Amino acid sequence: MGDDREQALAGFRAEIDAIDVEIVALLARRMAVVHRVIDAKRAHGLPALIPARVEEVADNVRRHAAAAGAPPDFAEAVWRTMMDWIITYEDQRLNAVPDDGEGR
């Protein structure tokens, strides 16, 4: 009986797995842009954290989620987690000591 119940979910699981592949591809695309942002921030002496931009992104995500029928609170929570991780990532790279090619 357990197999029948599990089998009832197989199609949904396959669909979720396919969506996850798309999400990961979008995350990779987003990170490619983040690397360009790091270069621009470094060139212009900007910090990793720009609070007004964080709030702008969170507001945009809430609005887009609501329009798409997704729970805005959930979307904002996911994005804030992602933004926190990316800000730390940017900060580490912006504060890294450049490699002088001599392994120092």
PDB file of N, CA and C in Angstrom:
ATOM      1  N   MET A   1       0.832  -1.205   0.000  1.00  0.00           N
ATOM      2  CA  MET A   1       0.000   0.000   0.000  1.00  0.00           C
ATOM      3  C   MET A   1       0.869   1.258   0.000  1.00  0.00           C
ATOM      4  N   GLY A   2       1.978   1.202   0.712  1.00  0.00           N
ATOM      5  CA  GLY A   2       2.866   2.352   0.755  1.00  0.00           C
ATOM      6  C   GLY A   2       3.367   2.738  -0.625  1.00  0.00           C
ATOM      7  N   ASP A   3       3.622   1.728  -1.485  1.00  0.00           N
ATOM      8  CA  ASP A   3       4.081   1.999  -2.838  1.00  0.00           C
ATOM      9  C   ASP A   3       3.036   2.755  -3.644  1.00  0.00           C
ATOM     10  N   ASP A   4       1.753   2.395  -3.463  1.00  0.00           N
ATOM     11  CA  ASP A   4       0.674   3.088  -4.172  1.00  0.00           C
ATOM     12  C   ASP A   4       0.620   4.556  -3.764  1.00  0.00           C
ATOM     13  N   ARG A   5       0.770   4.811  -2.480  1.00  0.00           N
ATOM     14  CA  ARG A   5       0.732   6.199  -2.002  1.00  0.00           C
ATOM     15  C   ARG A   5       1.939   6.982  -2.521  1.00  0.00           C
ATOM     16  N   GLU A   6       3.101   6.350  -2.488  1.00  0.00           N
ATOM     17  CA  GLU A   6       4.303   6.999  -3.008  1.00  0.00           C
ATOM     18  C   GLU A   6       4.167   7.240  -4.517  1.00  0.00           C
ATOM     19  N   GLN A   7       3.623   6.279  -5.213  1.00  0.00           N
ATOM     20  CA  GLN A   7       3.453   6.383  -6.668  1.00  0.00           C
ATOM     21  C   GLN A   7       2.523   7.549  -7.018  1.00  0.00           C
ATOM     22  N   ALA A   8       1.566   7.822  -6.162  1.00  0.00           N
ATOM     23  CA  ALA A   8       0.643   8.934  -6.406  1.00  0.00           C
ATOM     24  C   ALA A   8       1.386  10.262  -6.454  1.00  0.00           C
ATOM     25  N   LEU A   9       2.558  10.319  -5.841  1.00  0.00           N
ATOM     26  CA  LEU A   9       3.344  11.555  -5.808  1.00  0.00           C
ATOM     27  C   LEU A   9       4.408  11.619  -6.888  1.00  0.00           C
ATOM     28  N   ALA A  10       4.657  10.527  -7.576  1.00  0.00           N
ATOM     29  CA  ALA A  10       5.771  10.447  -8.528  1.00  0.00           C
ATOM     30  C   ALA A  10       5.720  11.544  -9.588  1.00  0.00           C
ATOM     31  N   GLY A  11       4.571  11.782 -10.162  1.00  0.00           N
ATOM     32  CA  GLY A  11       4.451  12.820 -11.189  1.00  0.00           C
ATOM     33  C   GLY A  11       4.727  14.208 -10.643  1.00  0.00           C
ATOM     34  N   PHE A  12       4.232  14.460  -9.442  1.00  0.00           N
ATOM     35  CA  PHE A  12       4.474  15.767  -8.818  1.00  0.00           C
ATOM     36  C   PHE A  12       5.951  15.943  -8.506  1.00  0.00           C
ATOM     37  N   ARG A  13       6.567  14.872  -8.032  1.00  0.00           N
ATOM     38  CA  ARG A  13       7.995  14.936  -7.707  1.00  0.00           C
ATOM     39  C   ARG A  13       8.830  15.205  -8.951  1.00  0.00           C
ATOM     40  N   ALA A  14       8.484  14.568 -10.046  1.00  0.00           N
ATOM     41  CA  ALA A  14       9.202  14.796 -11.308  1.00  0.00           C
ATOM     42  C   ALA A  14       9.042  16.246 -11.759  1.00  0.00           C
ATOM     43  N   GLU A  15       7.839  16.774 -11.601  1.00  0.00           N
ATOM     44  CA  GLU A  15       7.587  18.171 -11.982  1.00  0.00           C
ATOM     45  C   GLU A  15       8.391  19.125 -11.101  1.00  0.00           C
ATOM     46  N   ILE A  16       8.408  18.861  -9.803  1.00  0.00           N
ATOM     47  CA  ILE A  16       9.184  19.696  -8.877  1.00  0.00           C
ATOM     48  C   ILE A  16      10.671  19.603  -9.211  1.00  0.00           C
ATOM     49  N   ASP A  17      11.156  18.402  -9.500  1.00  0.00           N
ATOM     50  CA  ASP A  17      12.571  18.234  -9.853  1.00  0.00           C
ATOM     51  C   ASP A  17      12.922  19.039 -11.104  1.00  0.00           C
ATOM     52  N   ALA A  18      12.036  19.054 -12.089  1.00  0.00           N
ATOM     53  CA  ALA A  18      12.270  19.817 -13.319  1.00  0.00           C
ATOM     54  C   ALA A  18      12.289  21.320 -13.029  1.00  0.00           C
ATOM     55  N   ILE A  19      11.400  21.767 -12.177  1.00  0.00           N
ATOM     56  CA  ILE A  19      11.374  23.182 -11.791  1.00  0.00           C
ATOM     57  C   ILE A  19      12.656  23.537 -11.047  1.00  0.00           C
ATOM     58  N   ASP A  20      13.120  22.640 -10.185  1.00  0.00           N
ATOM     59  CA  ASP A  20      14.368  22.883  -9.448  1.00  0.00           C
ATOM     60  C   ASP A  20      15.550  23.083 -10.405  1.00  0.00           C
ATOM     61  N   VAL A  21      15.575  22.316 -11.485  1.00  0.00           N
ATOM     62  CA  VAL A  21      16.642  22.479 -12.487  1.00  0.00           C
ATOM     63  C   VAL A  21      16.585  23.890 -13.072  1.00  0.00           C
ATOM     64  N   GLU A  22      15.391  24.361 -13.357  1.00  0.00           N
ATOM     65  CA  GLU A  22      15.229  25.718 -13.896  1.00  0.00           C
ATOM     66  C   GLU A  22      15.665  26.768 -12.884  1.00  0.00           C
ATOM     67  N   ILE A  23      15.302  26.579 -11.627  1.00  0.00           N
ATOM     68  CA  ILE A  23      15.671  27.536 -10.577  1.00  0.00           C
ATOM     69  C   ILE A  23      17.188  27.603 -10.432  1.00  0.00           C
ATOM     70  N   VAL A  24      17.847  26.437 -10.431  1.00  0.00           N
ATOM     71  CA  VAL A  24      19.304  26.406 -10.307  1.00  0.00           C
ATOM     72  C   VAL A  24      19.959  27.127 -11.489  1.00  0.00           C
ATOM     73  N   ALA A  25      19.436  26.934 -12.687  1.00  0.00           N
ATOM     74  CA  ALA A  25      19.974  27.631 -13.855  1.00  0.00           C
ATOM     75  C   ALA A  25      19.824  29.145 -13.698  1.00  0.00           C
ATOM     76  N   LEU A  26      18.694  29.577 -13.157  1.00  0.00           N
ATOM     77  CA  LEU A  26      18.483  31.010 -12.922  1.00  0.00           C
ATOM     78  C   LEU A  26      19.414  31.537 -11.829  1.00  0.00           C
ATOM     79  N   LEU A  27      19.660  30.722 -10.796  1.00  0.00           N
ATOM     80  CA  LEU A  27      20.612  31.130  -9.758  1.00  0.00           C
ATOM     81  C   LEU A  27      22.014  31.296 -10.344  1.00  0.00           C
ATOM     82  N   ALA A  28      22.404  30.386 -11.222  1.00  0.00           N
ATOM     83  CA  ALA A  28      23.717  30.497 -11.867  1.00  0.00           C
ATOM     84  C   ALA A  28      23.782  31.768 -12.716  1.00  0.00           C
ATOM     85  N   ARG A  29      22.715  32.049 -13.431  1.00  0.00           N
ATOM     86  CA  ARG A  29      22.653  33.277 -14.243  1.00  0.00           C
ATOM     87  C   ARG A  29      22.731  34.519 -13.361  1.00  0.00           C
ATOM     88  N   ARG A  30      22.038  34.491 -12.226  1.00  0.00           N
ATOM     89  CA  ARG A  30      22.055  35.619 -11.288  1.00  0.00           C
ATOM     90  C   ARG A  30      23.457  35.811 -10.721  1.00  0.00           C
ATOM     91  N   MET A  31      24.138  34.701 -10.386  1.00  0.00           N
ATOM     92  CA  MET A  31      25.485  34.801  -9.831  1.00  0.00           C
ATOM     93  C   MET A  31      26.482  35.344 -10.853  1.00  0.00           C
ATOM     94  N   ALA A  32      26.267  35.064 -12.125  1.00  0.00           N
ATOM     95  CA  ALA A  32      27.133  35.636 -13.153  1.00  0.00           C
ATOM     96  C   ALA A  32      27.030  37.161 -13.135  1.00  0.00           C
ATOM     97  N   VAL A  33      25.831  37.658 -12.925  1.00  0.00           N
ATOM     98  CA  VAL A  33      25.641  39.114 -12.821  1.00  0.00           C
ATOM     99  C   VAL A  33      26.278  39.624 -11.524  1.00  0.00           C
ATOM    100  N   VAL A  34      26.137  38.873 -10.440  1.00  0.00           N
ATOM    101  CA  VAL A  34      26.744  39.266  -9.159  1.00  0.00           C
ATOM    102  C   VAL A  34      28.246  39.457  -9.328  1.00  0.00           C
ATOM    103  N   HIS A  35      28.899  38.603 -10.097  1.00  0.00           N
ATOM    104  CA  HIS A  35      30.342  38.761 -10.305  1.00  0.00           C
ATOM    105  C   HIS A  35      30.659  40.063 -11.026  1.00  0.00           C
ATOM    106  N   ARG A  36      29.815  40.468 -11.953  1.00  0.00           N
ATOM    107  CA  ARG A  36      30.010  41.760 -12.627  1.00  0.00           C
ATOM    108  C   ARG A  36      29.737  42.908 -11.662  1.00  0.00           C
ATOM    109  N   VAL A  37      28.749  42.730 -10.780  1.00  0.00           N
ATOM    110  CA  VAL A  37      28.452  43.748  -9.760  1.00  0.00           C
ATOM    111  C   VAL A  37      29.655  43.929  -8.839  1.00  0.00           C
ATOM    112  N   ILE A  38      30.285  42.836  -8.437  1.00  0.00           N
ATOM    113  CA  ILE A  38      31.466  42.914  -7.574  1.00  0.00           C
ATOM    114  C   ILE A  38      32.552  43.746  -8.254  1.00  0.00           C
ATOM    115  N   ASP A  39      32.784  43.502  -9.530  1.00  0.00           N
ATOM    116  CA  ASP A  39      33.785  44.281 -10.267  1.00  0.00           C
ATOM    117  C   ASP A  39      33.430  45.762 -10.273  1.00  0.00           C
ATOM    118  N   ALA A  40      32.153  46.070 -10.501  1.00  0.00           N
ATOM    119  CA  ALA A  40      31.717  47.471 -10.535  1.00  0.00           C
ATOM    120  C   ALA A  40      31.827  48.113  -9.160  1.00  0.00           C
ATOM    121  N   LYS A  41      31.444  47.389  -8.115  1.00  0.00           N
ATOM    122  CA  LYS A  41      31.552  47.930  -6.760  1.00  0.00           C
ATOM    123  C   LYS A  41      33.007  48.182  -6.401  1.00  0.00           C
ATOM    124  N   ARG A  42      33.879  47.264  -6.782  1.00  0.00           N
ATOM    125  CA  ARG A  42      35.307  47.435  -6.515  1.00  0.00           C
ATOM    126  C   ARG A  42      35.833  48.675  -7.246  1.00  0.00           C
ATOM    127  N   ALA A  43      35.467  48.826  -8.496  1.00  0.00           N
ATOM    128  CA  ALA A  43      35.938  49.948  -9.317  1.00  0.00           C
ATOM    129  C   ALA A  43      35.458  51.295  -8.787  1.00  0.00           C
ATOM    130  N   HIS A  44      34.280  51.296  -8.159  1.00  0.00           N
ATOM    131  CA  HIS A  44      33.698  52.561  -7.698  1.00  0.00           C
ATOM    132  C   HIS A  44      33.747  52.723  -6.183  1.00  0.00           C
ATOM    133  N   GLY A  45      34.421  51.819  -5.501  1.00  0.00           N
ATOM    134  CA  GLY A  45      34.572  51.929  -4.049  1.00  0.00           C
ATOM    135  C   GLY A  45      33.271  51.786  -3.282  1.00  0.00           C
ATOM    136  N   LEU A  46      32.364  50.956  -3.803  1.00  0.00           N
ATOM    137  CA  LEU A  46      31.070  50.757  -3.143  1.00  0.00           C
ATOM    138  C   LEU A  46      31.125  49.540  -2.229  1.00  0.00           C
ATOM    139  N   PRO A  47      30.354  49.567  -1.142  1.00  0.00           N
ATOM    140  CA  PRO A  47      30.321  48.412  -0.229  1.00  0.00           C
ATOM    141  C   PRO A  47      29.429  47.302  -0.770  1.00  0.00           C
ATOM    142  N   ALA A  48      29.585  46.121  -0.198  1.00  0.00           N
ATOM    143  CA  ALA A  48      28.729  44.995  -0.573  1.00  0.00           C
ATOM    144  C   ALA A  48      27.276  45.284  -0.200  1.00  0.00           C
ATOM    145  N   LEU A  49      27.071  45.803   0.999  1.00  0.00           N
ATOM    146  CA  LEU A  49      25.714  46.067   1.492  1.00  0.00           C
ATOM    147  C   LEU A  49      25.285  47.485   1.168  1.00  0.00           C
ATOM    148  N   ILE A  50      24.231  47.575   0.387  1.00  0.00           N
ATOM    149  CA  ILE A  50      23.589  48.865   0.106  1.00  0.00           C
ATOM    150  C   ILE A  50      22.136  48.689   0.553  1.00  0.00           C
ATOM    151  N   PRO A  51      21.826  49.092   1.806  1.00  0.00           N
ATOM    152  CA  PRO A  51      20.518  48.798   2.402  1.00  0.00           C
ATOM    153  C   PRO A  51      19.313  49.214   1.558  1.00  0.00           C
ATOM    154  N   ALA A  52      19.375  50.368   0.927  1.00  0.00           N
ATOM    155  CA  ALA A  52      18.236  50.820   0.120  1.00  0.00           C
ATOM    156  C   ALA A  52      17.965  49.848  -1.027  1.00  0.00           C
ATOM    157  N   ARG A  53      19.023  49.288  -1.609  1.00  0.00           N
ATOM    158  CA  ARG A  53      18.846  48.328  -2.704  1.00  0.00           C
ATOM    159  C   ARG A  53      18.246  47.023  -2.190  1.00  0.00           C
ATOM    160  N   VAL A  54      18.666  46.587  -1.015  1.00  0.00           N
ATOM    161  CA  VAL A  54      18.102  45.371  -0.422  1.00  0.00           C
ATOM    162  C   VAL A  54      16.592  45.524  -0.258  1.00  0.00           C
ATOM    163  N   GLU A  55      16.168  46.656   0.265  1.00  0.00           N
ATOM    164  CA  GLU A  55      14.734  46.883   0.471  1.00  0.00           C
ATOM    165  C   GLU A  55      13.991  47.015  -0.853  1.00  0.00           C
ATOM    166  N   GLU A  56      14.631  47.631  -1.839  1.00  0.00           N
ATOM    167  CA  GLU A  56      14.014  47.747  -3.169  1.00  0.00           C
ATOM    168  C   GLU A  56      13.782  46.350  -3.764  1.00  0.00           C
ATOM    169  N   VAL A  57      14.784  45.485  -3.666  1.00  0.00           N
ATOM    170  CA  VAL A  57      14.651  44.125  -4.190  1.00  0.00           C
ATOM    171  C   VAL A  57      13.551  43.374  -3.442  1.00  0.00           C
ATOM    172  N   ALA A  58      13.534  43.483  -2.115  1.00  0.00           N
ATOM    173  CA  ALA A  58      12.506  42.792  -1.322  1.00  0.00           C
ATOM    174  C   ALA A  58      11.108  43.275  -1.710  1.00  0.00           C
ATOM    175  N   ASP A  59      10.947  44.579  -1.881  1.00  0.00           N
ATOM    176  CA  ASP A  59       9.644  45.123  -2.293  1.00  0.00           C
ATOM    177  C   ASP A  59       9.244  44.615  -3.682  1.00  0.00           C
ATOM    178  N   ASN A  60      10.209  44.600  -4.606  1.00  0.00           N
ATOM    179  CA  ASN A  60       9.930  44.107  -5.961  1.00  0.00           C
ATOM    180  C   ASN A  60       9.501  42.642  -5.932  1.00  0.00           C
ATOM    181  N   VAL A  61      10.213  41.843  -5.145  1.00  0.00           N
ATOM    182  CA  VAL A  61       9.906  40.416  -5.065  1.00  0.00           C
ATOM    183  C   VAL A  61       8.506  40.195  -4.495  1.00  0.00           C
ATOM    184  N   ARG A  62       8.154  40.934  -3.456  1.00  0.00           N
ATOM    185  CA  ARG A  62       6.816  40.805  -2.873  1.00  0.00           C
ATOM    186  C   ARG A  62       5.751  41.133  -3.919  1.00  0.00           C
ATOM    187  N   ARG A  63       5.975  42.206  -4.658  1.00  0.00           N
ATOM    188  CA  ARG A  63       5.006  42.630  -5.669  1.00  0.00           C
ATOM    189  C   ARG A  63       4.885  41.582  -6.785  1.00  0.00           C
ATOM    190  N   HIS A  64       6.024  41.084  -7.277  1.00  0.00           N
ATOM    191  CA  HIS A  64       6.003  40.073  -8.340  1.00  0.00           C
ATOM    192  C   HIS A  64       5.387  38.768  -7.847  1.00  0.00           C
ATOM    193  N   ALA A  65       5.678  38.396  -6.614  1.00  0.00           N
ATOM    194  CA  ALA A  65       5.098  37.169  -6.055  1.00  0.00           C
ATOM    195  C   ALA A  65       3.579  37.279  -5.986  1.00  0.00           C
ATOM    196  N   ALA A  66       3.100  38.397  -5.472  1.00  0.00           N
ATOM    197  CA  ALA A  66       1.653  38.587  -5.362  1.00  0.00           C
ATOM    198  C   ALA A  66       0.993  38.525  -6.742  1.00  0.00           C
ATOM    199  N   ALA A  67       1.619  39.159  -7.727  1.00  0.00           N
ATOM    200  CA  ALA A  67       1.059  39.169  -9.078  1.00  0.00           C
ATOM    201  C   ALA A  67       1.051  37.765  -9.698  1.00  0.00           C
ATOM    202  N   ALA A  68       2.031  36.933  -9.305  1.00  0.00           N
ATOM    203  CA  ALA A  68       2.138  35.584  -9.866  1.00  0.00           C
ATOM    204  C   ALA A  68       1.345  34.553  -9.071  1.00  0.00           C
ATOM    205  N   GLY A  69       0.763  34.972  -7.949  1.00  0.00           N
ATOM    206  CA  GLY A  69      -0.012  34.039  -7.131  1.00  0.00           C
ATOM    207  C   GLY A  69       0.819  33.249  -6.138  1.00  0.00           C
ATOM    208  N   ALA A  70       2.040  33.700  -5.879  1.00  0.00           N
ATOM    209  CA  ALA A  70       2.902  33.055  -4.880  1.00  0.00           C
ATOM    210  C   ALA A  70       2.803  33.843  -3.575  1.00  0.00           C
ATOM    211  N   PRO A  71       2.985  33.196  -2.436  1.00  0.00           N
ATOM    212  CA  PRO A  71       2.902  33.915  -1.163  1.00  0.00           C
ATOM    213  C   PRO A  71       4.041  34.944  -1.034  1.00  0.00           C
ATOM    214  N   PRO A  72       3.713  36.233  -0.952  1.00  0.00           N
ATOM    215  CA  PRO A  72       4.751  37.260  -0.844  1.00  0.00           C
ATOM    216  C   PRO A  72       5.691  37.058   0.345  1.00  0.00           C
ATOM    217  N   ASP A  73       5.166  36.613   1.490  1.00  0.00           N
ATOM    218  CA  ASP A  73       6.022  36.388   2.656  1.00  0.00           C
ATOM    219  C   ASP A  73       7.065  35.317   2.371  1.00  0.00           C
ATOM    220  N   PHE A  74       6.655  34.252   1.707  1.00  0.00           N
ATOM    221  CA  PHE A  74       7.582  33.171   1.357  1.00  0.00           C
ATOM    222  C   PHE A  74       8.647  33.675   0.393  1.00  0.00           C
ATOM    223  N   ALA A  75       8.220  34.376  -0.658  1.00  0.00           N
ATOM    224  CA  ALA A  75       9.165  34.892  -1.651  1.00  0.00           C
ATOM    225  C   ALA A  75      10.166  35.840  -0.993  1.00  0.00           C
ATOM    226  N   GLU A  76       9.673  36.729  -0.137  1.00  0.00           N
ATOM    227  CA  GLU A  76      10.577  37.669   0.528  1.00  0.00           C
ATOM    228  C   GLU A  76      11.571  36.932   1.422  1.00  0.00           C
ATOM    229  N   ALA A  77      11.115  35.921   2.145  1.00  0.00           N
ATOM    230  CA  ALA A  77      12.011  35.159   3.019  1.00  0.00           C
ATOM    231  C   ALA A  77      13.113  34.472   2.209  1.00  0.00           C
ATOM    232  N   VAL A  78      12.736  33.885   1.079  1.00  0.00           N
ATOM    233  CA  VAL A  78      13.726  33.229   0.215  1.00  0.00           C
ATOM    234  C   VAL A  78      14.728  34.261  -0.290  1.00  0.00           C
ATOM    235  N   TRP A  79      14.239  35.387  -0.767  1.00  0.00           N
ATOM    236  CA  TRP A  79      15.123  36.415  -1.314  1.00  0.00           C
ATOM    237  C   TRP A  79      16.016  37.028  -0.241  1.00  0.00           C
ATOM    238  N   ARG A  80      15.485  37.271   0.929  1.00  0.00           N
ATOM    239  CA  ARG A  80      16.335  37.842   1.986  1.00  0.00           C
ATOM    240  C   ARG A  80      17.457  36.878   2.367  1.00  0.00           C
ATOM    241  N   THR A  81      17.163  35.583   2.385  1.00  0.00           N
ATOM    242  CA  THR A  81      18.206  34.593   2.646  1.00  0.00           C
ATOM    243  C   THR A  81      19.252  34.641   1.535  1.00  0.00           C
ATOM    244  N   MET A  82      18.788  34.675   0.296  1.00  0.00           N
ATOM    245  CA  MET A  82      19.697  34.744  -0.842  1.00  0.00           C
ATOM    246  C   MET A  82      20.511  36.032  -0.815  1.00  0.00           C
ATOM    247  N   MET A  83      19.861  37.158  -0.545  1.00  0.00           N
ATOM    248  CA  MET A  83      20.577  38.436  -0.508  1.00  0.00           C
ATOM    249  C   MET A  83      21.613  38.453   0.605  1.00  0.00           C
ATOM    250  N   ASP A  84      21.273  37.928   1.773  1.00  0.00           N
ATOM    251  CA  ASP A  84      22.242  37.868   2.872  1.00  0.00           C
ATOM    252  C   ASP A  84      23.470  37.067   2.460  1.00  0.00           C
ATOM    253  N   TRP A  85      23.248  35.913   1.829  1.00  0.00           N
ATOM    254  CA  TRP A  85      24.357  35.079   1.389  1.00  0.00           C
ATOM    255  C   TRP A  85      25.213  35.814   0.363  1.00  0.00           C
ATOM    256  N   ILE A  86      24.557  36.466  -0.601  1.00  0.00           N
ATOM    257  CA  ILE A  86      25.281  37.169  -1.663  1.00  0.00           C
ATOM    258  C   ILE A  86      26.037  38.372  -1.110  1.00  0.00           C
ATOM    259  N   ILE A  87      25.461  39.094  -0.176  1.00  0.00           N
ATOM    260  CA  ILE A  87      26.162  40.233   0.429  1.00  0.00           C
ATOM    261  C   ILE A  87      27.429  39.751   1.122  1.00  0.00           C
ATOM    262  N   THR A  88      27.352  38.642   1.849  1.00  0.00           N
ATOM    263  CA  THR A  88      28.543  38.071   2.491  1.00  0.00           C
ATOM    264  C   THR A  88      29.561  37.662   1.429  1.00  0.00           C
ATOM    265  N   TYR A  89      29.096  37.025   0.377  1.00  0.00           N
ATOM    266  CA  TYR A  89      29.949  36.595  -0.727  1.00  0.00           C
ATOM    267  C   TYR A  89      30.658  37.796  -1.357  1.00  0.00           C
ATOM    268  N   GLU A  90      29.890  38.853  -1.653  1.00  0.00           N
ATOM    269  CA  GLU A  90      30.469  40.070  -2.231  1.00  0.00           C
ATOM    270  C   GLU A  90      31.484  40.684  -1.278  1.00  0.00           C
ATOM    271  N   ASP A  91      31.114  40.780  -0.013  1.00  0.00           N
ATOM    272  CA  ASP A  91      31.989  41.394   0.985  1.00  0.00           C
ATOM    273  C   ASP A  91      33.329  40.662   1.061  1.00  0.00           C
ATOM    274  N   GLN A  92      33.292  39.346   1.052  1.00  0.00           N
ATOM    275  CA  GLN A  92      34.526  38.554   1.095  1.00  0.00           C
ATOM    276  C   GLN A  92      35.404  38.853  -0.110  1.00  0.00           C
ATOM    277  N   ARG A  93      34.799  38.977  -1.270  1.00  0.00           N
ATOM    278  CA  ARG A  93      35.576  39.240  -2.474  1.00  0.00           C
ATOM    279  C   ARG A  93      36.044  40.683  -2.552  1.00  0.00           C
ATOM    280  N   LEU A  94      35.248  41.607  -2.075  1.00  0.00           N
ATOM    281  CA  LEU A  94      35.659  43.012  -2.091  1.00  0.00           C
ATOM    282  C   LEU A  94      36.802  43.275  -1.112  1.00  0.00           C
ATOM    283  N   ASN A  95      36.867  42.498  -0.043  1.00  0.00           N
ATOM    284  CA  ASN A  95      37.902  42.695   0.986  1.00  0.00           C
ATOM    285  C   ASN A  95      39.069  41.734   0.846  1.00  0.00           C
ATOM    286  N   ALA A  96      39.045  40.899  -0.182  1.00  0.00           N
ATOM    287  CA  ALA A  96      40.139  39.943  -0.381  1.00  0.00           C
ATOM    288  C   ALA A  96      41.396  40.673  -0.814  1.00  0.00           C
ATOM    289  N   VAL A  97      42.523  40.193  -0.325  1.00  0.00           N
ATOM    290  CA  VAL A  97      43.800  40.752  -0.737  1.00  0.00           C
ATOM    291  C   VAL A  97      44.121  40.186  -2.119  1.00  0.00           C
ATOM    292  N   PRO A  98      44.404  41.061  -3.085  1.00  0.00           N
ATOM    293  CA  PRO A  98      44.688  40.570  -4.438  1.00  0.00           C
ATOM    294  C   PRO A  98      45.927  39.673  -4.443  1.00  0.00           C
ATOM    295  N   ASP A  99      45.888  38.643  -5.255  1.00  0.00           N
ATOM    296  CA  ASP A  99      47.021  37.744  -5.402  1.00  0.00           C
ATOM    297  C   ASP A  99      48.063  38.429  -6.281  1.00  0.00           C
ATOM    298  N   ASP A 100      49.293  38.549  -5.768  1.00  0.00           N
ATOM    299  CA  ASP A 100      50.340  39.224  -6.533  1.00  0.00           C
ATOM    300  C   ASP A 100      51.059  38.277  -7.492  1.00  0.00           C
ATOM    301  N   GLY A 101      50.566  37.048  -7.597  1.00  0.00           N
ATOM    302  CA  GLY A 101      51.153  36.082  -8.493  1.00  0.00           C
ATOM    303  C   GLY A 101      52.340  35.347  -7.906  1.00  0.00           C
ATOM    304  N   GLU A 102      52.731  35.696  -6.689  1.00  0.00           N
ATOM    305  CA  GLU A 102      53.883  35.061  -6.056  1.00  0.00           C
ATOM    306  C   GLU A 102      53.473  34.179  -4.881  1.00  0.00           C
ATOM    307  N   GLY A 103      52.181  33.890  -4.767  1.00  0.00           N
ATOM    308  CA  GLY A 103      51.699  32.997  -3.731  1.00  0.00           C
ATOM    309  C   GLY A 103      51.735  33.564  -2.321  1.00  0.00           C
ATOM    310  N   ARG A 104      51.780  34.862  -2.215  1.00  0.00           N
ATOM    311  CA  ARG A 104      51.808  35.492  -0.883  1.00  0.00           C
ATOM    312  C   ARG A 104      50.438  35.856  -0.430  1.00  0.00           C
TER     313      ARG A 104
END
